[in-house]
Amino acid sequence: MTKIKFLITALVLIFLSCSKDSDVIETPPSEEKQGYNMLLIGNSFFKPYAEHLENLAIDTGFKNHNATVIKRGGDNGRPINFWNDSTSNEHQQIKSILDQGGIDFFGMTSGHDSENPTEGHRAWIEYALRNNPEITIFIAIPTVDYPSDWDQRVQINGFNSIEELYEYFINDVIHKTIIDPLRAEFPSTKIFSIPTGWATINLNQLRQDNLLLDDIQFMGPKANSIFTDEKGHQGQVCIETGTLLWLNSIYGVDLETNNYETGFNTDLHEIAKKIMDNHNSDYKL
């Protein structure tokens, strides 16, 4: 009888042990954030954001983010100039990268030839699709240059503020005359815009209203100025804010919860979030 009791007890213990093992729920490893392979081409109003995106993407956890940035100054950095200068090293480099395939995002500046605004973008998209059929295209819209002349340009063009002028530039010049025709020609390809220039315009207005929590000059050193020269190249506060727009636009990162340290006391995440909240959803990814 004692042997029977011992056998029953042993079987119960074995059963309980097996039951506990089967009830254990293994927590799957957290899914690694997948970065993108990008080709980014533009000028000096494009390059700072394209290059700085790597820092923000890695900080946010996109460990395999990879971007090749190809830059030429001024009009030479427009898609049409990159395309037409077929013997240049940059033209050949862009084609070589696209020929290899595997490019997820192809970003270009919005600079264009006013007589045929889609020509350069269309040529590069058509070429890119040969070996990258799933590629996504974005056009980064820079700020208005020569900021010291903004008031004069606003008046000449019949607007009341630089904000109105830039809004017109985004919607009527870029969206309607470039992106809409490109979408019609390439209906299976995602094409969206990033309104980078709002970062500069909004920060400058906040500076004028004394609402920045940092000592920021209108023009001066890159570290503590909106602009670094008469042309309107952007200081670090603009680069940080503008790159947050890229991070949200491309990777969909929630700027309310993102904890990237911008190096400024002013809440640049909040400024960037408001810009993206106001950006036309039809032209988001």
Protein backbone atom coordinates (compact mmCIF):
# COMPACT_ATOMS: atom_id res chain seq x y z
CA MET A 1 0.00 0.00 0.00
CA THR A 2 2.86 2.31 0.85
CA LYS A 3 4.41 1.61 -2.55
CA ILE A 4 1.12 2.49 -4.27
CA LYS A 5 0.87 5.79 -2.36
CA PHE A 6 4.46 6.59 -3.29
CA LEU A 7 3.78 5.82 -6.96
CA ILE A 8 0.66 8.02 -7.02
CA THR A 9 2.54 10.88 -5.34
CA ALA A 10 5.37 10.61 -7.87
CA LEU A 11 2.94 10.67 -10.80
CA VAL A 12 1.17 13.75 -9.39
CA LEU A 13 4.49 15.57 -9.00
CA ILE A 14 5.47 14.67 -12.54
CA PHE A 15 2.10 15.89 -13.83
CA LEU A 16 2.37 19.17 -11.94
CA SER A 17 5.89 19.67 -13.18
CA CYS A 18 4.84 19.13 -16.79
CA SER A 19 1.83 21.40 -16.34
CA LYS A 20 4.01 24.21 -15.03
CA ASP A 21 6.40 23.83 -17.94
CA SER A 22 3.56 23.95 -20.45
CA ASP A 23 2.05 27.03 -18.81
CA VAL A 24 5.22 29.05 -19.12
CA ILE A 25 4.79 31.71 -21.82
CA GLU A 26 8.05 32.68 -23.36
CA THR A 27 8.28 36.36 -24.16
CA PRO A 28 9.42 36.73 -27.75
CA PRO A 29 12.42 38.97 -28.26
CA SER A 30 11.48 42.57 -29.00
CA GLU A 31 11.26 43.24 -32.70
CA GLU A 32 14.24 45.18 -33.96
CA LYS A 33 13.32 48.43 -35.65
CA GLN A 34 14.04 48.10 -39.32
CA GLY A 35 15.93 50.99 -40.84
CA TYR A 36 15.87 51.89 -44.51
CA ASN A 37 18.43 51.97 -47.27
CA MET A 38 18.31 55.46 -48.76
CA LEU A 39 19.73 57.55 -51.57
CA LEU A 40 19.53 61.28 -50.89
CA ILE A 41 20.55 63.93 -53.43
CA GLY A 42 20.43 67.69 -53.15
CA ASN A 43 22.23 70.92 -52.33
CA SER A 44 23.39 72.75 -49.20
CA PHE A 45 19.78 73.40 -48.11
CA PHE A 46 19.19 69.63 -48.25
CA LYS A 47 22.45 68.04 -47.12
CA PRO A 48 22.42 68.99 -43.39
CA TYR A 49 19.12 67.18 -42.81
CA ALA A 50 20.05 64.20 -44.97
CA GLU A 51 23.28 63.69 -43.05
CA HIS A 52 21.89 64.40 -39.58
CA LEU A 53 19.02 61.92 -40.06
CA GLU A 54 21.48 59.09 -39.40
CA ASN A 55 22.14 60.39 -35.87
CA LEU A 56 18.45 60.63 -35.04
CA ALA A 57 17.57 57.29 -36.65
CA ILE A 58 20.29 55.44 -34.75
CA ASP A 59 19.40 57.20 -31.49
CA THR A 60 15.79 56.10 -31.98
CA GLY A 61 16.82 52.48 -32.48
CA PHE A 62 17.00 52.04 -36.25
CA LYS A 63 20.39 50.34 -36.11
CA ASN A 64 20.54 49.40 -39.78
CA HIS A 65 19.65 52.82 -41.19
CA ASN A 66 21.87 53.47 -44.20
CA ALA A 67 21.92 56.54 -46.41
CA THR A 68 24.17 57.68 -49.23
CA VAL A 69 24.10 61.48 -49.47
CA ILE A 70 25.23 63.10 -52.72
CA LYS A 71 25.46 66.89 -52.69
CA ARG A 72 26.28 69.70 -55.11
CA GLY A 73 25.87 73.38 -54.33
CA GLY A 74 23.08 75.66 -55.53
CA ASP A 75 21.25 74.82 -58.76
CA ASN A 76 23.75 72.03 -59.41
CA GLY A 77 22.04 70.10 -56.60
CA ARG A 78 18.66 70.10 -58.34
CA PRO A 79 17.48 66.76 -59.79
CA ILE A 80 17.44 68.18 -63.33
CA ASN A 81 21.06 69.31 -63.07
CA PHE A 82 22.18 66.00 -61.62
CA TRP A 83 20.43 64.32 -64.55
CA ASN A 84 21.66 66.59 -67.33
CA ASP A 85 25.29 66.54 -66.17
CA SER A 86 25.60 62.97 -67.40
CA THR A 87 29.40 62.97 -67.45
CA SER A 88 29.76 64.14 -63.85
CA ASN A 89 30.95 61.82 -61.10
CA GLU A 90 27.78 62.52 -59.12
CA HIS A 91 25.51 61.49 -62.00
CA GLN A 92 27.41 58.24 -62.44
CA GLN A 93 27.41 57.58 -58.70
CA ILE A 94 23.64 58.02 -58.42
CA LYS A 95 23.06 55.64 -61.32
CA SER A 96 25.50 53.10 -59.92
CA ILE A 97 23.71 53.03 -56.56
CA LEU A 98 20.30 52.68 -58.20
CA ASP A 99 21.62 49.95 -60.51
CA GLN A 100 22.52 47.82 -57.49
CA GLY A 101 18.90 47.78 -56.32
CA GLY A 102 17.71 47.54 -52.73
CA ILE A 103 17.00 51.26 -52.29
CA ASP A 104 13.95 51.82 -50.09
CA PHE A 105 13.80 55.63 -50.19
CA PHE A 106 15.02 58.07 -52.82
CA GLY A 107 14.95 61.64 -51.55
CA MET A 108 15.50 64.76 -53.65
CA THR A 109 15.26 68.49 -53.17
CA SER A 110 12.31 70.32 -54.71
CA GLY A 111 14.57 72.57 -56.82
CA HIS A 112 13.48 72.49 -60.45
CA ASP A 113 13.41 74.16 -63.83
CA SER A 114 10.35 76.42 -63.84
CA GLU A 115 9.64 75.71 -67.52
CA ASN A 116 9.39 71.97 -66.90
CA PRO A 117 9.17 71.47 -63.12
CA THR A 118 8.84 67.68 -63.13
CA GLU A 119 11.54 66.92 -65.71
CA GLY A 120 14.43 66.10 -63.39
CA HIS A 121 12.40 64.27 -60.77
CA ARG A 122 10.60 62.24 -63.43
CA ALA A 123 13.85 61.18 -65.11
CA TRP A 124 15.37 59.95 -61.86
CA ILE A 125 12.20 58.18 -60.72
CA GLU A 126 11.90 56.40 -64.05
CA TYR A 127 15.53 55.29 -63.82
CA ALA A 128 15.24 54.26 -60.17
CA LEU A 129 12.22 52.02 -60.82
CA ARG A 130 14.20 49.79 -63.21
CA ASN A 131 15.99 48.01 -60.38
CA ASN A 132 14.03 49.29 -57.38
CA PRO A 133 10.36 48.66 -58.21
CA GLU A 134 9.20 49.15 -54.60
CA ILE A 135 11.10 52.40 -54.04
CA THR A 136 9.46 55.31 -52.20
CA ILE A 137 10.13 58.87 -53.32
CA PHE A 138 10.15 62.00 -51.22
CA ILE A 139 10.77 65.63 -52.05
CA ALA A 140 12.20 67.87 -49.33
CA ILE A 141 10.97 71.45 -49.59
CA PRO A 142 13.62 73.95 -48.44
CA THR A 143 13.11 77.30 -46.78
CA VAL A 144 12.97 80.60 -48.66
CA ASP A 145 16.50 81.85 -49.22
CA TYR A 146 17.95 85.34 -48.58
CA PRO A 147 16.00 85.87 -45.32
CA SER A 148 17.01 89.52 -45.04
CA ASP A 149 14.89 90.13 -48.15
CA TRP A 150 11.84 88.18 -46.99
CA ASP A 151 9.68 91.23 -46.31
CA GLN A 152 10.43 92.67 -49.71
CA ARG A 153 9.70 89.39 -51.49
CA VAL A 154 6.44 89.02 -49.58
CA GLN A 155 5.27 92.44 -50.72
CA ILE A 156 6.39 91.98 -54.33
CA ASN A 157 4.46 88.72 -54.58
CA GLY A 158 1.31 90.13 -53.00
CA PHE A 159 1.33 88.22 -49.72
CA ASN A 160 0.97 89.44 -46.16
CA SER A 161 3.70 87.36 -44.53
CA ILE A 162 6.51 84.91 -45.20
CA GLU A 163 4.21 82.20 -43.85
CA GLU A 164 1.65 82.93 -46.58
CA LEU A 165 4.35 82.98 -49.24
CA TYR A 166 5.81 79.65 -48.12
CA GLU A 167 2.37 78.06 -47.84
CA TYR A 168 1.73 79.05 -51.46
CA PHE A 169 5.13 77.69 -52.48
CA ILE A 170 4.40 74.31 -50.88
CA ASN A 171 0.84 73.84 -52.09
CA ASP A 172 0.71 75.57 -55.47
CA VAL A 173 4.28 75.21 -56.69
CA ILE A 174 5.50 71.90 -55.24
CA HIS A 175 2.40 69.84 -54.58
CA LYS A 176 0.28 70.86 -57.55
CA THR A 177 2.94 71.30 -60.23
CA ILE A 178 5.42 68.61 -59.23
CA ILE A 179 4.04 65.91 -56.93
CA ASP A 180 0.54 65.64 -58.39
CA PRO A 181 1.79 65.16 -61.99
CA LEU A 182 4.44 62.70 -60.81
CA ARG A 183 1.85 60.67 -58.93
CA ALA A 184 -0.32 60.60 -62.04
CA GLU A 185 2.61 59.34 -64.12
CA PHE A 186 3.79 56.80 -61.50
CA PRO A 187 0.53 55.69 -59.81
CA SER A 188 2.10 52.64 -58.14
CA THR A 189 4.92 54.61 -56.52
CA LYS A 190 4.56 56.39 -53.19
CA ILE A 191 5.60 60.03 -53.47
CA PHE A 192 5.39 62.44 -50.54
CA SER A 193 6.85 65.73 -49.32
CA ILE A 194 8.70 66.96 -46.24
CA PRO A 195 8.15 70.68 -45.50
CA THR A 196 11.62 71.22 -44.08
CA GLY A 197 11.52 74.99 -44.52
CA TRP A 198 8.80 75.46 -41.92
CA ALA A 199 11.38 74.72 -39.24
CA THR A 200 13.36 77.81 -40.19
CA ILE A 201 10.37 80.07 -40.67
CA ASN A 202 8.65 79.05 -37.43
CA LEU A 203 11.82 79.25 -35.36
CA ASN A 204 12.55 82.73 -36.67
CA GLN A 205 9.04 83.87 -35.76
CA LEU A 206 9.41 82.42 -32.26
CA ARG A 207 12.71 84.26 -31.95
CA GLN A 208 11.04 87.53 -32.94
CA ASP A 209 8.31 86.89 -30.35
CA ASN A 210 10.91 86.11 -27.65
CA LEU A 211 9.44 82.64 -27.16
CA LEU A 212 12.63 80.61 -27.58
CA LEU A 213 14.24 79.28 -24.41
CA ASP A 214 17.69 79.69 -25.93
CA ASP A 215 19.72 82.76 -26.87
CA ILE A 216 19.41 82.50 -30.66
CA GLN A 217 20.56 85.17 -33.10
CA PHE A 218 18.98 85.94 -36.46
CA MET A 219 22.31 85.51 -38.27
CA GLY A 220 25.66 84.41 -36.93
CA PRO A 221 27.50 81.27 -35.76
CA LYS A 222 25.93 77.94 -36.64
CA ALA A 223 25.68 76.89 -32.97
CA ASN A 224 23.34 79.68 -31.87
CA SER A 225 21.77 81.29 -34.94
CA ILE A 226 18.81 80.78 -37.26
CA PHE A 227 20.95 81.61 -40.29
CA THR A 228 24.68 81.48 -40.82
CA ASP A 229 24.92 83.79 -43.85
CA GLU A 230 23.02 86.07 -46.22
CA LYS A 231 22.02 83.17 -48.47
CA GLY A 232 20.10 81.66 -45.60
CA HIS A 233 22.03 78.50 -44.73
CA GLN A 234 20.55 77.17 -41.53
CA GLY A 235 22.03 77.08 -38.05
CA GLN A 236 21.99 74.03 -35.78
CA VAL A 237 18.65 74.82 -34.14
CA CYS A 238 17.02 74.70 -37.58
CA ILE A 239 18.89 71.55 -38.56
CA GLU A 240 17.75 69.77 -35.39
CA THR A 241 14.13 70.79 -35.88
CA GLY A 242 14.11 70.06 -39.60
CA THR A 243 15.63 66.62 -39.10
CA LEU A 244 12.90 65.80 -36.60
CA LEU A 245 10.47 66.47 -39.47
CA TRP A 246 12.39 63.93 -41.55
CA LEU A 247 12.39 61.40 -38.71
CA ASN A 248 8.63 61.67 -38.35
CA SER A 249 7.92 61.78 -42.08
CA ILE A 250 10.09 58.82 -43.08
CA TYR A 251 10.09 56.58 -40.01
CA GLY A 252 6.76 57.61 -38.50
CA VAL A 253 8.38 58.32 -35.12
CA ASP A 254 6.03 59.87 -32.56
CA LEU A 255 7.64 63.20 -31.70
CA GLU A 256 5.72 63.43 -28.43
CA THR A 257 7.45 60.36 -27.02
CA ASN A 258 10.79 60.55 -28.82
CA ASN A 259 13.58 61.36 -26.34
CA TYR A 260 16.37 62.42 -28.67
CA GLU A 261 18.41 65.20 -27.04
CA THR A 262 18.55 68.15 -29.43
CA GLY A 263 21.00 70.16 -27.33
CA PHE A 264 18.56 73.07 -26.95
CA ASN A 265 16.27 74.12 -24.09
CA THR A 266 13.50 75.03 -26.50
CA ASP A 267 11.17 72.09 -27.13
CA LEU A 268 12.07 71.45 -30.75
CA HIS A 269 10.04 68.24 -30.75
CA GLU A 270 6.88 70.24 -30.05
CA ILE A 271 7.68 72.71 -32.82
CA ALA A 272 8.30 69.88 -35.29
CA LYS A 273 5.15 68.05 -34.22
CA LYS A 274 2.99 71.13 -34.84
CA ILE A 275 4.51 71.51 -38.29
CA MET A 276 3.75 67.90 -39.19
CA ASP A 277 0.25 68.10 -37.70
CA ASN A 278 -0.44 71.03 -40.03
CA HIS A 279 1.14 69.43 -43.08
CA ASN A 280 -1.44 68.29 -45.64
CA SER A 281 -2.07 64.60 -44.92
CA ASP A 282 -2.48 63.92 -48.65
CA TYR A 283 1.23 64.56 -49.03
CA LYS A 284 2.46 62.48 -46.12
CA LEU A 285 3.78 58.95 -46.48
